[in-house]
Amino acid sequence: MGQHTVAPSYPARIRRLIEESPFAIDTEVEVSGHPPSMASSQFLTNREQGDWAEQIIFDAINTHSSRYRAVRYGRRESLPADHPRFRQHYATYLKELNSFGKKPDLLVFPKGLNLSPSDRAMSDETVRQALAAIEVRSSSFLAEKYARFMWHRNRTAEQECLRLQSLLLTEPYGTLLRSKAPETYSLLRRASRDTFREITFRATRWSSSPALREMSRLLRDLKAQIRILHKRDYLSITPKLEDIALVNRWIQRYGVPHHYLQVFFDKAYAMSFEEILRLVSDPDCEGQKFSVERDVKNQQKTTLKIDVAVGREIVGRIDFPTHESAVRELARGRLLFYVRFRDGRGYLDATALHEEILRSG
């Protein structure tokens, strides 16, 4: 009799991908650290934006999906850093991360399951019935406008590269360049609109004649245009590297497929945690489909920036929210001004959500 091969479980697949990852991921890491001593206006605005993004996805799923319902799950209580109970609150949070891992913001269940939308005390057995876990991330961009801007920027840079290439390969610069920098001359002879972003060269300054000075200027201008093409030109899904071990810890406990969902002010894109791990383990994709950056907006934490085009568009339109100024008075009298977001509506692509959930099932 033939032997049947049993496919590895979802937690086992995640464990294997982390073990094979090119990044040093300590799955046994214990999170520690001192609690923040002071909030900031930017922190409060970012938190308000994150809460708004989560509400958009929560409402979109529960309004537009006939198959699924979303339930809030992640930690929602928030205390200012100067609150008397903040240190205890922060210590409890660290203990939770070390015991259970990082809770996703939302859980997705079959529509007919009898659950309270505000149930925050779900048993482990109930959590394991979820079909998907969603980590909601927010970004302060309009995705469509960003894409149009970057397309125009790159086409303009490519056109300028072609113009400068033509000048540098005609006389008198062609002969001078072939003599002074034969490798650069050869690179320019082979370069095309599609390959400028792949080349680099040293722009030496020459000054012993007017023609050499002008050729040096043209080379510097060309290098500047190529630098534009080297820059990351896509919006991204942004998992933090330090969160991978904590997300894995939660997955190993509950076995629910995990997804990142990046919310912009006009669209939202999803990508499964499993797909993220596969992608960032492929060196051929680095620089093309993802980059690894130390993010200033995330306290210099190492962040994976994955092109949203690799993900799946889950929400194709979001009505722009209203926004208003708010103020928080700290205990010692300091005032923090920040932005609150209200209203807005996300229009879910229910088929895309279904396909995304099936992909990791």
Protein backbone atom coordinates (compact mmCIF):
# COMPACT_ATOMS: atom_id res chain seq x y z
CA MET A 1 0.00 0.00 0.00
CA GLY A 2 1.20 3.51 -0.81
CA GLN A 3 2.06 5.94 1.93
CA HIS A 4 0.13 9.19 2.26
CA THR A 5 2.16 12.32 2.95
CA VAL A 6 0.57 14.54 5.58
CA ALA A 7 0.93 18.23 4.79
CA PRO A 8 2.61 20.20 7.59
CA SER A 9 0.29 22.25 9.78
CA TYR A 10 0.20 26.03 9.58
CA PRO A 11 2.23 26.52 12.81
CA ALA A 12 4.81 23.98 11.55
CA ARG A 13 5.17 25.83 8.24
CA ILE A 14 5.72 29.11 10.09
CA ARG A 15 8.33 27.52 12.37
CA ARG A 16 10.22 26.15 9.38
CA LEU A 17 10.19 29.49 7.54
CA ILE A 18 11.55 31.27 10.62
CA GLU A 19 14.26 28.63 11.07
CA GLU A 20 15.28 29.10 7.42
CA SER A 21 15.05 32.89 7.51
CA PRO A 22 18.20 34.89 6.66
CA PHE A 23 17.40 37.11 9.64
CA ALA A 24 18.44 36.15 13.15
CA ILE A 25 15.06 35.63 14.79
CA ASP A 26 15.11 34.47 18.41
CA THR A 27 11.76 32.72 18.90
CA GLU A 28 12.45 32.43 22.65
CA VAL A 29 13.06 36.15 23.09
CA GLU A 30 11.87 37.73 26.33
CA VAL A 31 10.70 41.31 25.88
CA SER A 32 11.80 43.76 28.53
CA GLY A 33 12.43 47.44 28.89
CA HIS A 34 11.56 50.56 30.82
CA PRO A 35 8.10 52.05 30.29
CA PRO A 36 7.99 55.27 28.26
CA SER A 37 8.29 58.25 30.55
CA MET A 38 6.36 60.72 28.42
CA ALA A 39 3.84 60.73 25.57
CA SER A 40 4.17 63.02 22.54
CA SER A 41 1.77 64.70 20.17
CA GLN A 42 3.00 62.50 17.31
CA PHE A 43 2.48 59.35 19.37
CA LEU A 44 -1.09 60.35 20.20
CA THR A 45 -1.87 61.20 16.56
CA ASN A 46 -0.40 57.89 15.36
CA ARG A 47 -2.50 55.99 17.90
CA GLU A 48 -5.66 57.82 16.84
CA GLN A 49 -4.89 57.04 13.20
CA GLY A 50 -4.29 53.38 14.03
CA ASP A 51 -7.59 53.16 15.91
CA TRP A 52 -9.38 54.77 12.96
CA ALA A 53 -7.80 52.30 10.50
CA GLU A 54 -8.85 49.35 12.66
CA GLN A 55 -12.42 50.70 12.81
CA ILE A 56 -12.49 51.06 9.01
CA ILE A 57 -11.55 47.39 8.52
CA PHE A 58 -13.82 46.16 11.32
CA ASP A 59 -16.83 47.94 9.80
CA ALA A 60 -15.92 47.01 6.20
CA ILE A 61 -15.82 43.28 6.96
CA ASN A 62 -18.97 43.27 9.05
CA THR A 63 -20.88 45.41 6.54
CA HIS A 64 -19.84 43.93 3.21
CA SER A 65 -18.96 40.28 3.81
CA SER A 66 -21.67 37.59 3.70
CA ARG A 67 -19.16 34.90 4.83
CA TYR A 68 -17.19 36.50 7.65
CA ARG A 69 -17.46 38.65 10.71
CA ALA A 70 -14.66 40.56 12.43
CA VAL A 71 -14.23 40.64 16.21
CA ARG A 72 -11.93 43.02 18.07
CA TYR A 73 -9.25 41.10 19.90
CA GLY A 74 -6.03 43.06 20.49
CA ARG A 75 -5.34 45.25 23.50
CA ARG A 76 -7.40 48.44 23.39
CA GLU A 77 -6.95 50.02 26.85
CA SER A 78 -4.59 52.94 26.64
CA LEU A 79 -3.23 55.01 29.50
CA PRO A 80 -1.05 58.14 29.22
CA ALA A 81 2.54 57.75 30.39
CA ASP A 82 1.92 60.01 33.40
CA HIS A 83 -1.10 58.01 34.63
CA PRO A 84 -0.59 56.47 38.12
CA ARG A 85 -1.41 52.96 36.77
CA PHE A 86 0.71 53.22 33.63
CA ARG A 87 3.72 51.29 34.97
CA GLN A 88 1.51 48.40 36.04
CA HIS A 89 -0.32 48.54 32.70
CA TYR A 90 2.98 48.41 30.82
CA ALA A 91 4.33 45.53 32.93
CA THR A 92 1.14 43.53 32.27
CA TYR A 93 1.56 44.13 28.55
CA LEU A 94 5.16 42.85 28.57
CA LYS A 95 4.09 39.76 30.52
CA GLU A 96 1.39 39.09 27.94
CA LEU A 97 3.87 39.38 25.06
CA ASN A 98 6.24 36.95 26.75
CA SER A 99 3.50 34.47 27.58
CA PHE A 100 1.12 34.54 24.62
CA GLY A 101 2.85 36.61 21.95
CA LYS A 102 1.51 39.64 20.12
CA LYS A 103 -2.25 39.62 19.82
CA PRO A 104 -3.62 40.59 16.39
CA ASP A 105 -6.05 43.50 16.28
CA LEU A 106 -8.94 41.55 14.75
CA LEU A 107 -10.06 37.95 14.46
CA VAL A 108 -12.22 36.80 11.55
CA PHE A 109 -14.83 34.11 12.17
CA PRO A 110 -17.50 32.44 10.04
CA LYS A 111 -20.56 34.70 9.85
CA GLY A 112 -22.88 32.27 11.62
CA LEU A 113 -20.76 31.74 14.71
CA ASN A 114 -22.46 33.09 17.83
CA LEU A 115 -19.99 35.63 19.20
CA SER A 116 -20.29 39.05 20.75
CA PRO A 117 -18.52 41.66 18.56
CA SER A 118 -16.99 43.19 21.70
CA ASP A 119 -15.94 39.92 23.38
CA ARG A 120 -12.43 40.51 24.76
CA ALA A 121 -12.39 37.54 27.12
CA MET A 122 -12.59 34.75 24.56
CA SER A 123 -11.41 31.33 25.63
CA ASP A 124 -8.50 29.70 23.85
CA GLU A 125 -10.94 27.26 22.28
CA THR A 126 -12.98 30.12 20.82
CA VAL A 127 -9.90 31.92 19.49
CA ARG A 128 -8.79 28.73 17.72
CA GLN A 129 -12.06 28.70 15.78
CA ALA A 130 -11.05 31.92 14.01
CA LEU A 131 -10.32 31.61 10.29
CA ALA A 132 -7.87 34.50 10.20
CA ALA A 133 -6.05 36.96 12.44
CA ILE A 134 -5.47 40.50 11.18
CA GLU A 135 -2.79 42.94 12.26
CA VAL A 136 -3.95 46.39 11.09
CA ARG A 137 -1.25 48.91 10.17
CA SER A 138 -1.95 52.49 9.09
CA SER A 139 -0.09 54.78 6.73
CA SER A 140 -0.49 58.52 6.09
CA PHE A 141 -0.64 58.32 2.30
CA LEU A 142 -3.16 58.31 -0.50
CA ALA A 143 -2.05 55.19 -2.36
CA GLU A 144 -3.37 56.16 -5.80
CA LYS A 145 -1.85 59.66 -5.72
CA TYR A 146 1.49 58.27 -4.51
CA ALA A 147 1.55 55.75 -7.37
CA ARG A 148 0.82 58.47 -9.95
CA PHE A 149 3.51 60.74 -8.49
CA MET A 150 6.15 58.02 -8.51
CA TRP A 151 5.26 56.92 -12.04
CA HIS A 152 5.70 60.49 -13.30
CA ARG A 153 8.93 60.98 -11.29
CA ASN A 154 10.50 57.82 -12.71
CA ARG A 155 9.44 58.51 -16.30
CA THR A 156 10.90 62.04 -16.02
CA ALA A 157 14.18 60.68 -14.62
CA GLU A 158 14.38 58.03 -17.37
CA GLN A 159 13.82 60.66 -20.05
CA GLU A 160 16.53 62.87 -18.56
CA CYS A 161 18.91 59.87 -18.44
CA LEU A 162 18.33 59.26 -22.15
CA ARG A 163 19.01 62.92 -22.93
CA LEU A 164 22.24 63.00 -20.92
CA GLN A 165 23.34 59.65 -22.35
CA SER A 166 22.91 61.02 -25.88
CA LEU A 167 25.00 64.10 -25.07
CA LEU A 168 27.77 62.10 -23.41
CA LEU A 169 28.10 59.69 -26.33
CA THR A 170 28.34 62.43 -28.97
CA GLU A 171 31.43 64.47 -29.74
CA PRO A 172 33.46 65.86 -28.20
CA TYR A 173 32.38 64.04 -25.01
CA GLY A 174 32.26 60.53 -26.47
CA THR A 175 35.96 60.48 -27.32
CA LEU A 176 36.91 62.14 -24.03
CA LEU A 177 34.82 59.72 -21.97
CA ARG A 178 36.18 56.68 -23.79
CA SER A 179 39.69 57.91 -23.02
CA LYS A 180 39.18 59.07 -19.42
CA ALA A 181 36.66 56.50 -18.16
CA PRO A 182 36.35 53.57 -20.57
CA GLU A 183 34.23 51.49 -18.15
CA THR A 184 31.71 54.32 -17.75
CA TYR A 185 31.69 54.81 -21.53
CA SER A 186 30.95 51.12 -22.02
CA LEU A 187 28.17 51.21 -19.42
CA LEU A 188 26.51 54.15 -21.17
CA ARG A 189 26.77 52.50 -24.58
CA ARG A 190 24.80 49.50 -23.26
CA ALA A 191 22.33 51.40 -21.07
CA SER A 192 18.66 51.74 -21.97
CA ARG A 193 15.52 53.21 -20.43
CA ASP A 194 14.89 49.87 -18.71
CA THR A 195 18.40 49.42 -17.31
CA PHE A 196 19.43 52.85 -15.99
CA ARG A 197 18.23 51.93 -12.50
CA GLU A 198 20.62 48.96 -12.48
CA ILE A 199 23.86 50.85 -13.19
CA THR A 200 26.23 52.87 -11.05
CA PHE A 201 29.51 54.60 -11.81
CA ARG A 202 32.00 56.99 -10.29
CA ALA A 203 31.54 60.57 -11.47
CA THR A 204 35.12 61.90 -11.50
CA ARG A 205 35.62 65.66 -11.72
CA TRP A 206 37.89 66.85 -14.52
CA SER A 207 38.75 70.54 -14.94
CA SER A 208 41.74 70.92 -17.27
CA SER A 209 39.61 72.06 -20.24
CA PRO A 210 36.10 73.49 -20.83
CA ALA A 211 35.01 70.25 -22.52
CA LEU A 212 36.18 68.12 -19.60
CA ARG A 213 34.45 70.42 -17.10
CA GLU A 214 31.20 70.20 -19.04
CA MET A 215 31.50 66.42 -19.36
CA SER A 216 32.02 66.19 -15.59
CA ARG A 217 28.86 68.23 -15.03
CA LEU A 218 26.84 66.01 -17.39
CA LEU A 219 28.06 62.88 -15.60
CA ARG A 220 27.09 64.35 -12.21
CA ASP A 221 23.65 65.23 -13.55
CA LEU A 222 23.26 61.71 -14.94
CA LYS A 223 24.30 60.17 -11.63
CA ALA A 224 21.73 62.33 -9.82
CA GLN A 225 18.95 61.08 -12.13
CA ILE A 226 20.04 57.46 -11.65
CA ARG A 227 19.93 57.98 -7.87
CA ILE A 228 16.27 58.92 -8.26
CA LEU A 229 15.65 55.60 -10.03
CA HIS A 230 17.47 53.75 -7.24
CA LYS A 231 15.10 55.11 -4.58
CA ARG A 232 12.25 52.97 -3.30
CA ASP A 233 9.22 53.97 -5.34
CA TYR A 234 6.45 51.92 -3.75
CA LEU A 235 4.24 52.16 -0.70
CA SER A 236 4.69 49.25 1.62
CA ILE A 237 3.22 46.74 4.01
CA THR A 238 5.37 47.26 7.09
CA PRO A 239 5.94 44.42 9.56
CA LYS A 240 8.64 45.17 12.14
CA LEU A 241 11.39 42.58 12.29
CA GLU A 242 11.27 42.43 16.10
CA ASP A 243 7.55 41.51 15.93
CA ILE A 244 8.12 38.30 13.95
CA ALA A 245 9.05 36.21 17.00
CA LEU A 246 6.08 37.59 18.96
CA VAL A 247 3.60 36.95 16.14
CA ASN A 248 5.03 33.43 15.81
CA ARG A 249 4.54 32.87 19.55
CA TRP A 250 0.84 33.66 19.22
CA ILE A 251 0.53 31.48 16.10
CA GLN A 252 2.16 28.50 17.81
CA ARG A 253 -0.36 28.80 20.66
CA TYR A 254 -3.53 29.25 18.60
CA GLY A 255 -2.74 28.01 15.08
CA VAL A 256 -4.76 30.78 13.36
CA PRO A 257 -3.35 32.10 10.04
CA HIS A 258 -2.06 35.62 10.49
CA HIS A 259 -2.32 38.51 7.99
CA TYR A 260 -0.98 42.06 7.84
CA LEU A 261 -3.42 44.64 6.49
CA GLN A 262 -1.99 48.04 5.55
CA VAL A 263 -4.57 50.82 5.54
CA PHE A 264 -3.99 54.01 3.56
CA PHE A 265 -6.46 56.88 3.38
CA ASP A 266 -7.96 55.59 0.14
CA LYS A 267 -7.20 51.83 -0.05
CA ALA A 268 -6.07 48.84 2.02
CA TYR A 269 -3.82 45.91 1.10
CA ALA A 270 -3.34 42.54 2.79
CA MET A 271 -0.54 40.00 2.84
CA SER A 272 -0.32 36.83 4.87
CA PHE A 273 2.42 36.38 7.46
CA GLU A 274 3.44 33.17 5.69
CA GLU A 275 3.85 34.98 2.36
CA ILE A 276 5.87 37.72 4.06
CA LEU A 277 8.30 35.17 5.52
CA ARG A 278 8.69 33.46 2.13
CA LEU A 279 9.27 36.73 0.29
CA VAL A 280 11.88 38.21 2.63
CA SER A 281 13.84 34.94 2.55
CA ASP A 282 14.39 35.32 -1.20
CA PRO A 283 17.50 37.46 -1.85
CA ASP A 284 16.43 38.00 -5.46
CA CYS A 285 13.40 39.94 -4.21
CA GLU A 286 15.35 42.37 -2.02
CA GLY A 287 15.51 45.77 -3.65
CA GLN A 288 12.75 44.79 -6.08
CA LYS A 289 9.80 43.70 -3.94
CA PHE A 290 11.00 44.58 -0.45
CA SER A 291 13.66 46.48 1.44
CA VAL A 292 14.93 46.39 5.01
CA GLU A 293 15.10 49.79 6.68
CA ARG A 294 15.58 51.33 10.10
CA ASP A 295 12.40 53.35 10.39
CA VAL A 296 12.67 56.78 12.00
CA LYS A 297 8.89 56.81 12.60
CA ASN A 298 9.17 53.53 14.53
CA GLN A 299 11.92 54.49 17.00
CA GLN A 300 14.63 53.31 14.54
CA LYS A 301 13.25 49.76 14.64
CA THR A 302 14.18 47.52 11.73
CA THR A 303 11.15 47.38 9.45
CA LEU A 304 10.45 45.22 6.40
CA LYS A 305 9.04 47.42 3.62
CA ILE A 306 7.12 45.14 1.23
CA ASP A 307 5.69 46.54 -1.99
CA VAL A 308 1.90 46.70 -1.61
CA ALA A 309 1.60 45.49 -5.21
CA VAL A 310 2.83 42.09 -3.99
CA GLY A 311 -0.11 41.98 -1.58
CA ARG A 312 -3.80 41.87 -2.31
CA GLU A 313 -6.08 44.91 -2.53
CA ILE A 314 -8.79 44.19 0.04
CA VAL A 315 -10.44 47.59 0.25
CA GLY A 316 -10.56 49.45 -3.05
CA ARG A 317 -11.97 52.68 -1.73
CA ILE A 318 -12.09 54.53 1.57
CA ASP A 319 -14.13 57.65 2.15
CA PHE A 320 -11.88 60.31 3.64
CA PRO A 321 -12.43 60.85 7.39
CA THR A 322 -13.21 64.06 9.18
CA HIS A 323 -10.42 65.19 11.48
CA GLU A 324 -10.17 67.60 14.35
CA SER A 325 -7.65 68.98 16.79
CA ALA A 326 -7.64 67.60 20.32
CA VAL A 327 -5.61 68.33 23.43
CA ARG A 328 -4.44 66.26 26.38
CA GLU A 329 -3.33 67.93 29.59
CA LEU A 330 -0.60 66.03 31.43
CA ALA A 331 -0.37 65.91 35.22
CA ARG A 332 2.27 68.62 35.43
CA GLY A 333 0.33 70.97 33.17
CA ARG A 334 1.97 70.27 29.82
CA LEU A 335 -0.43 70.30 26.85
CA LEU A 336 -0.20 67.84 23.99
CA PHE A 337 -2.10 68.75 20.81
CA TYR A 338 -2.92 65.96 18.38
CA VAL A 339 -5.38 64.91 15.65
CA ARG A 340 -8.48 62.78 15.99
CA PHE A 341 -10.05 60.98 13.02
CA ARG A 342 -13.77 60.34 12.69
CA ASP A 343 -16.12 58.67 10.23
CA GLY A 344 -14.93 57.47 6.84
CA ARG A 345 -16.01 54.18 5.29
CA GLY A 346 -14.16 51.31 3.66
CA TYR A 347 -15.64 49.43 0.71
CA LEU A 348 -14.53 45.83 1.06
CA ASP A 349 -13.80 43.55 -1.88
CA ALA A 350 -15.46 40.51 -0.30
CA THR A 351 -14.09 38.14 -2.96
CA ALA A 352 -10.53 39.38 -2.41
CA LEU A 353 -10.90 38.89 1.34
CA HIS A 354 -12.21 35.35 0.81
CA GLU A 355 -9.28 34.49 -1.50
CA GLU A 356 -6.81 35.97 0.99
CA ILE A 357 -8.21 33.83 3.83
CA LEU A 358 -8.29 30.69 1.68
CA ARG A 359 -4.65 31.22 0.68
CA SER A 360 -3.43 30.59 4.23
CA GLY A 361 -6.05 28.06 5.26
